[in-house]
Amino acid sequence: MADIEISDVSKLMKLNSSTLRYYESIGLITDIKRNASGKRIYSEEDIKWIEMIGRLRETGMNINKMKKYAQLRKMGDSTITERKNIMKEHLEFIENKIEELSKSRDYVAKKVEIYTEMEGKMNGR
């Protein structure tokens, strides 16, 4: 994949360009190159990192934790254990969230079942 401009990354990643610029302004995305016209251009590695940021966001990791992870990532392999610990903590958070959602899903499914039975009784009069 060749380097691509912010508008194309925005479409590809389903993020507003302003979100990408915000992530850059807070240090979540760093070292974005610019072309001769001064427009941001993103490498394949940048896109993979933005995809990871998206996954972390959609699974509920807050910006500050992502910033910490990004800082550690930039520091290199000496931070592998710290990054692993952040991911382990986040995995636990995700697993707890899935358990909560599963309980809520079961509750809602039971309500649907109850209403279906009630409909059947009403229609069977």
C-alpha atoms as a PDB file:
ATOM      1  CA  MET A   1       0.000   0.000   0.000  1.00  0.00           C
ATOM      2  CA  ALA A   2       1.389   3.392  -0.963  1.00  0.00           C
ATOM      3  CA  ASP A   3       1.320   6.374   1.350  1.00  0.00           C
ATOM      4  CA  ILE A   4      -2.150   7.883   1.444  1.00  0.00           C
ATOM      5  CA  GLU A   5      -3.580  11.266   2.364  1.00  0.00           C
ATOM      6  CA  ILE A   6      -5.727  12.048   5.369  1.00  0.00           C
ATOM      7  CA  SER A   7      -9.005  12.110   3.415  1.00  0.00           C
ATOM      8  CA  ASP A   8      -8.406   8.569   2.165  1.00  0.00           C
ATOM      9  CA  VAL A   9      -7.342   7.346   5.616  1.00  0.00           C
ATOM     10  CA  SER A  10     -10.475   8.952   7.002  1.00  0.00           C
ATOM     11  CA  LYS A  11     -12.658   6.982   4.583  1.00  0.00           C
ATOM     12  CA  LEU A  12     -10.694   3.769   5.027  1.00  0.00           C
ATOM     13  CA  MET A  13     -10.790   3.888   8.833  1.00  0.00           C
ATOM     14  CA  LYS A  14     -14.261   5.462   9.074  1.00  0.00           C
ATOM     15  CA  LEU A  15     -12.907   8.341  11.154  1.00  0.00           C
ATOM     16  CA  ASN A  16     -13.294  12.058  10.642  1.00  0.00           C
ATOM     17  CA  SER A  17     -10.169  13.857   9.484  1.00  0.00           C
ATOM     18  CA  SER A  18     -10.565  16.049  12.548  1.00  0.00           C
ATOM     19  CA  THR A  19     -10.330  12.943  14.756  1.00  0.00           C
ATOM     20  CA  LEU A  20      -7.070  11.958  13.087  1.00  0.00           C
ATOM     21  CA  ARG A  21      -5.716  15.475  13.570  1.00  0.00           C
ATOM     22  CA  TYR A  22      -6.861  15.393  17.216  1.00  0.00           C
ATOM     23  CA  TYR A  23      -5.104  12.064  17.797  1.00  0.00           C
ATOM     24  CA  GLU A  24      -1.969  13.624  16.333  1.00  0.00           C
ATOM     25  CA  SER A  25      -2.297  16.766  18.477  1.00  0.00           C
ATOM     26  CA  ILE A  26      -2.453  14.723  21.704  1.00  0.00           C
ATOM     27  CA  GLY A  27       0.440  12.477  20.718  1.00  0.00           C
ATOM     28  CA  LEU A  28      -1.572   9.344  20.083  1.00  0.00           C
ATOM     29  CA  ILE A  29      -0.415   9.345  16.471  1.00  0.00           C
ATOM     30  CA  THR A  30       3.113  10.628  15.893  1.00  0.00           C
ATOM     31  CA  ASP A  31       5.642  11.239  13.152  1.00  0.00           C
ATOM     32  CA  ILE A  32       3.129  11.621  10.328  1.00  0.00           C
ATOM     33  CA  LYS A  33       4.988  12.640   7.212  1.00  0.00           C
ATOM     34  CA  ARG A  34       3.861  15.385   4.866  1.00  0.00           C
ATOM     35  CA  ASN A  35       4.051  15.567   1.107  1.00  0.00           C
ATOM     36  CA  ALA A  36       5.480  18.453  -0.925  1.00  0.00           C
ATOM     37  CA  SER A  37       2.137  20.271  -0.594  1.00  0.00           C
ATOM     38  CA  GLY A  38       2.247  19.964   3.198  1.00  0.00           C
ATOM     39  CA  LYS A  39      -0.593  17.431   3.353  1.00  0.00           C
ATOM     40  CA  ARG A  40      -0.365  14.598   5.838  1.00  0.00           C
ATOM     41  CA  ILE A  41       0.494  11.253   4.310  1.00  0.00           C
ATOM     42  CA  TYR A  42       0.087   7.999   6.179  1.00  0.00           C
ATOM     43  CA  SER A  43       2.203   4.897   5.731  1.00  0.00           C
ATOM     44  CA  GLU A  44       0.992   1.324   6.007  1.00  0.00           C
ATOM     45  CA  GLU A  45       2.482   1.212   9.518  1.00  0.00           C
ATOM     46  CA  ASP A  46       0.539   4.380  10.450  1.00  0.00           C
ATOM     47  CA  ILE A  47      -2.673   2.787   9.186  1.00  0.00           C
ATOM     48  CA  LYS A  48      -2.075  -0.370  11.223  1.00  0.00           C
ATOM     49  CA  TRP A  49      -1.528   1.763  14.319  1.00  0.00           C
ATOM     50  CA  ILE A  50      -4.711   3.772  13.634  1.00  0.00           C
ATOM     51  CA  GLU A  51      -6.571   0.480  13.264  1.00  0.00           C
ATOM     52  CA  MET A  52      -5.265  -0.589  16.668  1.00  0.00           C
ATOM     53  CA  ILE A  53      -6.350   2.715  18.192  1.00  0.00           C
ATOM     54  CA  GLY A  54      -9.811   2.097  16.736  1.00  0.00           C
ATOM     55  CA  ARG A  55      -9.959  -1.383  18.252  1.00  0.00           C
ATOM     56  CA  LEU A  56      -8.919  -0.066  21.639  1.00  0.00           C
ATOM     57  CA  ARG A  57     -11.514   2.724  21.448  1.00  0.00           C
ATOM     58  CA  GLU A  58     -14.344   0.424  20.412  1.00  0.00           C
ATOM     59  CA  THR A  59     -13.495  -1.890  23.302  1.00  0.00           C
ATOM     60  CA  GLY A  60     -13.630   0.939  25.815  1.00  0.00           C
ATOM     61  CA  MET A  61     -10.014   1.916  26.455  1.00  0.00           C
ATOM     62  CA  ASN A  62      -9.835   5.559  27.467  1.00  0.00           C
ATOM     63  CA  ILE A  63      -7.654   8.097  25.700  1.00  0.00           C
ATOM     64  CA  ASN A  64      -5.215   8.504  28.589  1.00  0.00           C
ATOM     65  CA  LYS A  65      -4.498   4.772  28.707  1.00  0.00           C
ATOM     66  CA  MET A  66      -4.059   4.741  24.925  1.00  0.00           C
ATOM     67  CA  LYS A  67      -1.662   7.687  25.178  1.00  0.00           C
ATOM     68  CA  LYS A  68       0.369   5.827  27.795  1.00  0.00           C
ATOM     69  CA  TYR A  69       0.460   2.752  25.564  1.00  0.00           C
ATOM     70  CA  ALA A  70       1.495   4.895  22.578  1.00  0.00           C
ATOM     71  CA  GLN A  71       4.322   6.474  24.582  1.00  0.00           C
ATOM     72  CA  LEU A  72       5.581   3.060  25.651  1.00  0.00           C
ATOM     73  CA  ARG A  73       5.322   1.767  22.092  1.00  0.00           C
ATOM     74  CA  LYS A  74       7.432   4.644  20.858  1.00  0.00           C
ATOM     75  CA  MET A  75      10.090   3.865  23.482  1.00  0.00           C
ATOM     76  CA  GLY A  76      10.652   0.452  21.918  1.00  0.00           C
ATOM     77  CA  ASP A  77      11.133  -3.112  23.053  1.00  0.00           C
ATOM     78  CA  SER A  78      12.328  -2.203  26.540  1.00  0.00           C
ATOM     79  CA  THR A  79       8.651  -1.489  27.350  1.00  0.00           C
ATOM     80  CA  ILE A  80       7.204  -4.806  26.174  1.00  0.00           C
ATOM     81  CA  THR A  81       6.300  -5.958  29.705  1.00  0.00           C
ATOM     82  CA  GLU A  82       4.546  -2.680  30.492  1.00  0.00           C
ATOM     83  CA  ARG A  83       2.616  -2.809  27.225  1.00  0.00           C
ATOM     84  CA  LYS A  84       1.679  -6.424  27.838  1.00  0.00           C
ATOM     85  CA  ASN A  85       0.369  -5.469  31.290  1.00  0.00           C
ATOM     86  CA  ILE A  86      -1.763  -2.696  29.801  1.00  0.00           C
ATOM     87  CA  MET A  87      -3.187  -5.186  27.285  1.00  0.00           C
ATOM     88  CA  LYS A  88      -3.804  -7.817  29.999  1.00  0.00           C
ATOM     89  CA  GLU A  89      -5.670  -5.231  32.082  1.00  0.00           C
ATOM     90  CA  HIS A  90      -7.692  -4.171  29.063  1.00  0.00           C
ATOM     91  CA  LEU A  91      -8.463  -7.770  28.145  1.00  0.00           C
ATOM     92  CA  GLU A  92      -9.845  -8.289  31.642  1.00  0.00           C
ATOM     93  CA  PHE A  93     -11.960  -5.140  31.216  1.00  0.00           C
ATOM     94  CA  ILE A  94     -13.298  -6.478  27.885  1.00  0.00           C
ATOM     95  CA  GLU A  95     -14.081  -9.889  29.351  1.00  0.00           C
ATOM     96  CA  ASN A  96     -15.977  -8.279  32.244  1.00  0.00           C
ATOM     97  CA  LYS A  97     -17.905  -6.112  29.793  1.00  0.00           C
ATOM     98  CA  ILE A  98     -18.801  -9.159  27.695  1.00  0.00           C
ATOM     99  CA  GLU A  99     -20.077 -10.916  30.824  1.00  0.00           C
ATOM    100  CA  GLU A 100     -22.190  -7.883  31.749  1.00  0.00           C
ATOM    101  CA  LEU A 101     -23.568  -7.644  28.215  1.00  0.00           C
ATOM    102  CA  SER A 102     -24.343 -11.356  28.190  1.00  0.00           C
ATOM    103  CA  LYS A 103     -26.373 -11.000  31.398  1.00  0.00           C
ATOM    104  CA  SER A 104     -28.214  -8.008  29.957  1.00  0.00           C
ATOM    105  CA  ARG A 105     -28.845  -9.904  26.723  1.00  0.00           C
ATOM    106  CA  ASP A 106     -30.290 -12.834  28.662  1.00  0.00           C
ATOM    107  CA  TYR A 107     -32.556 -10.462  30.582  1.00  0.00           C
ATOM    108  CA  VAL A 108     -33.839  -8.803  27.396  1.00  0.00           C
ATOM    109  CA  ALA A 109     -34.301 -12.189  25.687  1.00  0.00           C
ATOM    110  CA  LYS A 110     -36.403 -13.344  28.646  1.00  0.00           C
ATOM    111  CA  LYS A 111     -38.554 -10.207  28.334  1.00  0.00           C
ATOM    112  CA  VAL A 112     -39.106 -10.930  24.622  1.00  0.00           C
ATOM    113  CA  GLU A 113     -40.120 -14.481  25.552  1.00  0.00           C
ATOM    114  CA  ILE A 114     -42.582 -13.208  28.170  1.00  0.00           C
ATOM    115  CA  TYR A 115     -44.141 -10.728  25.744  1.00  0.00           C
ATOM    116  CA  THR A 116     -44.390 -13.419  23.071  1.00  0.00           C
ATOM    117  CA  GLU A 117     -46.272 -15.642  25.529  1.00  0.00           C
ATOM    118  CA  MET A 118     -48.528 -12.751  26.535  1.00  0.00           C
ATOM    119  CA  GLU A 119     -49.299 -12.040  22.862  1.00  0.00           C
ATOM    120  CA  GLY A 120     -50.145 -15.677  22.327  1.00  0.00           C
ATOM    121  CA  LYS A 121     -52.576 -15.644  25.254  1.00  0.00           C
ATOM    122  CA  MET A 122     -54.191 -12.420  24.035  1.00  0.00           C
ATOM    123  CA  ASN A 123     -54.544 -13.691  20.464  1.00  0.00           C
ATOM    124  CA  GLY A 124     -55.826 -17.045  21.646  1.00  0.00           C
ATOM    125  CA  ARG A 125     -58.839 -15.620  23.464  1.00  0.00           C
END
